[in-house]
Amino acid sequence: METMGKYSSGQVVVAVLSGTMLGALTALLLAPKSGRDTRQQLAGYFHDARHTLARVPEALKVGSHAARQALAEPKAGPSAEA
């Protein structure tokens, strides 16, 4: 991974995503809604996230298979005869 100063790009991505999630959660909890509405909204977000995360392993499997196939194919380019 690339480094950005003393932090890797992976660390920066994790920090940004964590901050975004914490900010969104804080906004939800401080929003002028009833407790019931906020709980229903959070339950919907977690339900959607659970279903999205459940698809990740299959997507990674399909993506890695496609990458292996692409790397196994010979490169198309100028012929060696010149």
C-alpha atoms as a PDB file:
ATOM      1  CA  MET A   1       0.000   0.000   0.000  1.00  0.00           C
ATOM      2  CA  GLU A   2       1.052   3.536  -0.572  1.00  0.00           C
ATOM      3  CA  THR A   3       2.048   5.631   2.380  1.00  0.00           C
ATOM      4  CA  MET A   4       0.900   9.166   3.060  1.00  0.00           C
ATOM      5  CA  GLY A   5       3.514  10.537   5.402  1.00  0.00           C
ATOM      6  CA  LYS A   6       3.654   8.151   8.305  1.00  0.00           C
ATOM      7  CA  TYR A   7       0.193   6.640   7.634  1.00  0.00           C
ATOM      8  CA  SER A   8      -0.643   4.059   4.982  1.00  0.00           C
ATOM      9  CA  SER A   9      -3.520   4.720   2.602  1.00  0.00           C
ATOM     10  CA  GLY A  10      -5.410   1.842   4.251  1.00  0.00           C
ATOM     11  CA  GLN A  11      -5.156   3.535   7.636  1.00  0.00           C
ATOM     12  CA  VAL A  12      -6.392   6.796   6.155  1.00  0.00           C
ATOM     13  CA  VAL A  13      -9.382   5.058   4.534  1.00  0.00           C
ATOM     14  CA  VAL A  14     -10.302   3.332   7.806  1.00  0.00           C
ATOM     15  CA  ALA A  15     -10.009   6.625   9.703  1.00  0.00           C
ATOM     16  CA  VAL A  16     -12.208   8.470   7.202  1.00  0.00           C
ATOM     17  CA  LEU A  17     -14.862   5.746   7.173  1.00  0.00           C
ATOM     18  CA  SER A  18     -14.853   5.525  10.965  1.00  0.00           C
ATOM     19  CA  GLY A  19     -15.238   9.277  11.309  1.00  0.00           C
ATOM     20  CA  THR A  20     -18.050   9.311   8.765  1.00  0.00           C
ATOM     21  CA  MET A  21     -19.920   6.551  10.577  1.00  0.00           C
ATOM     22  CA  LEU A  22     -19.482   8.206  13.973  1.00  0.00           C
ATOM     23  CA  GLY A  23     -20.659  11.535  12.579  1.00  0.00           C
ATOM     24  CA  ALA A  24     -23.736   9.965  11.015  1.00  0.00           C
ATOM     25  CA  LEU A  25     -24.595   8.118  14.230  1.00  0.00           C
ATOM     26  CA  THR A  26     -24.185  11.300  16.265  1.00  0.00           C
ATOM     27  CA  ALA A  27     -26.436  13.192  13.848  1.00  0.00           C
ATOM     28  CA  LEU A  28     -29.096  10.507  14.109  1.00  0.00           C
ATOM     29  CA  LEU A  29     -29.014  10.433  17.880  1.00  0.00           C
ATOM     30  CA  LEU A  30     -29.182  14.228  18.175  1.00  0.00           C
ATOM     31  CA  ALA A  31     -31.800  14.754  15.467  1.00  0.00           C
ATOM     32  CA  PRO A  32     -35.173  16.084  16.674  1.00  0.00           C
ATOM     33  CA  LYS A  33     -37.109  12.834  16.144  1.00  0.00           C
ATOM     34  CA  SER A  34     -38.929  10.589  18.526  1.00  0.00           C
ATOM     35  CA  GLY A  35     -37.034   7.671  19.997  1.00  0.00           C
ATOM     36  CA  ARG A  36     -39.257   5.221  18.143  1.00  0.00           C
ATOM     37  CA  ASP A  37     -38.567   6.883  14.766  1.00  0.00           C
ATOM     38  CA  THR A  38     -34.819   6.942  15.403  1.00  0.00           C
ATOM     39  CA  ARG A  39     -34.766   3.269  16.461  1.00  0.00           C
ATOM     40  CA  GLN A  40     -36.747   2.275  13.364  1.00  0.00           C
ATOM     41  CA  GLN A  41     -34.389   4.265  11.151  1.00  0.00           C
ATOM     42  CA  LEU A  42     -31.314   2.676  12.753  1.00  0.00           C
ATOM     43  CA  ALA A  43     -32.870  -0.795  12.478  1.00  0.00           C
ATOM     44  CA  GLY A  44     -33.416  -0.178   8.760  1.00  0.00           C
ATOM     45  CA  TYR A  45     -29.802   0.925   8.285  1.00  0.00           C
ATOM     46  CA  PHE A  46     -28.458  -2.117  10.139  1.00  0.00           C
ATOM     47  CA  HIS A  47     -30.776  -4.447   8.202  1.00  0.00           C
ATOM     48  CA  ASP A  48     -29.527  -3.003   4.889  1.00  0.00           C
ATOM     49  CA  ALA A  49     -25.898  -3.166   6.042  1.00  0.00           C
ATOM     50  CA  ARG A  50     -26.263  -6.798   7.121  1.00  0.00           C
ATOM     51  CA  HIS A  51     -27.634  -7.775   3.710  1.00  0.00           C
ATOM     52  CA  THR A  52     -24.937  -5.806   1.899  1.00  0.00           C
ATOM     53  CA  LEU A  53     -22.175  -7.391   3.975  1.00  0.00           C
ATOM     54  CA  ALA A  54     -23.637 -10.850   3.365  1.00  0.00           C
ATOM     55  CA  ARG A  55     -22.989 -10.340  -0.370  1.00  0.00           C
ATOM     56  CA  VAL A  56     -19.337  -9.348   0.082  1.00  0.00           C
ATOM     57  CA  PRO A  57     -17.794 -12.862   0.237  1.00  0.00           C
ATOM     58  CA  GLU A  58     -19.484 -13.922  -3.015  1.00  0.00           C
ATOM     59  CA  ALA A  59     -18.483 -10.659  -4.718  1.00  0.00           C
ATOM     60  CA  LEU A  60     -14.872 -11.153  -3.629  1.00  0.00           C
ATOM     61  CA  LYS A  61     -14.954 -14.728  -4.901  1.00  0.00           C
ATOM     62  CA  VAL A  62     -16.316 -13.657  -8.295  1.00  0.00           C
ATOM     63  CA  GLY A  63     -13.875 -10.752  -8.518  1.00  0.00           C
ATOM     64  CA  SER A  64     -10.856 -12.853  -7.642  1.00  0.00           C
ATOM     65  CA  HIS A  65     -11.898 -15.490 -10.177  1.00  0.00           C
ATOM     66  CA  ALA A  66     -12.212 -12.817 -12.892  1.00  0.00           C
ATOM     67  CA  ALA A  67      -8.824 -11.374 -11.920  1.00  0.00           C
ATOM     68  CA  ARG A  68      -7.156 -14.796 -12.094  1.00  0.00           C
ATOM     69  CA  GLN A  69      -8.660 -15.362 -15.542  1.00  0.00           C
ATOM     70  CA  ALA A  70      -7.542 -11.945 -16.775  1.00  0.00           C
ATOM     71  CA  LEU A  71      -4.004 -12.514 -15.528  1.00  0.00           C
ATOM     72  CA  ALA A  72      -3.850 -15.988 -17.075  1.00  0.00           C
ATOM     73  CA  GLU A  73      -4.738 -14.700 -20.565  1.00  0.00           C
ATOM     74  CA  PRO A  74      -1.837 -13.639 -22.758  1.00  0.00           C
ATOM     75  CA  LYS A  75      -1.459  -9.900 -23.154  1.00  0.00           C
ATOM     76  CA  ALA A  76      -2.693  -8.391 -26.374  1.00  0.00           C
ATOM     77  CA  GLY A  77      -0.212  -5.976 -27.796  1.00  0.00           C
ATOM     78  CA  PRO A  78       2.168  -5.318 -30.636  1.00  0.00           C
ATOM     79  CA  SER A  79       3.539  -8.461 -32.184  1.00  0.00           C
ATOM     80  CA  ALA A  80       7.101  -9.438 -31.522  1.00  0.00           C
ATOM     81  CA  GLU A  81       7.769  -9.428 -35.260  1.00  0.00           C
ATOM     82  CA  ALA A  82       8.957  -6.016 -36.369  1.00  0.00           C
END
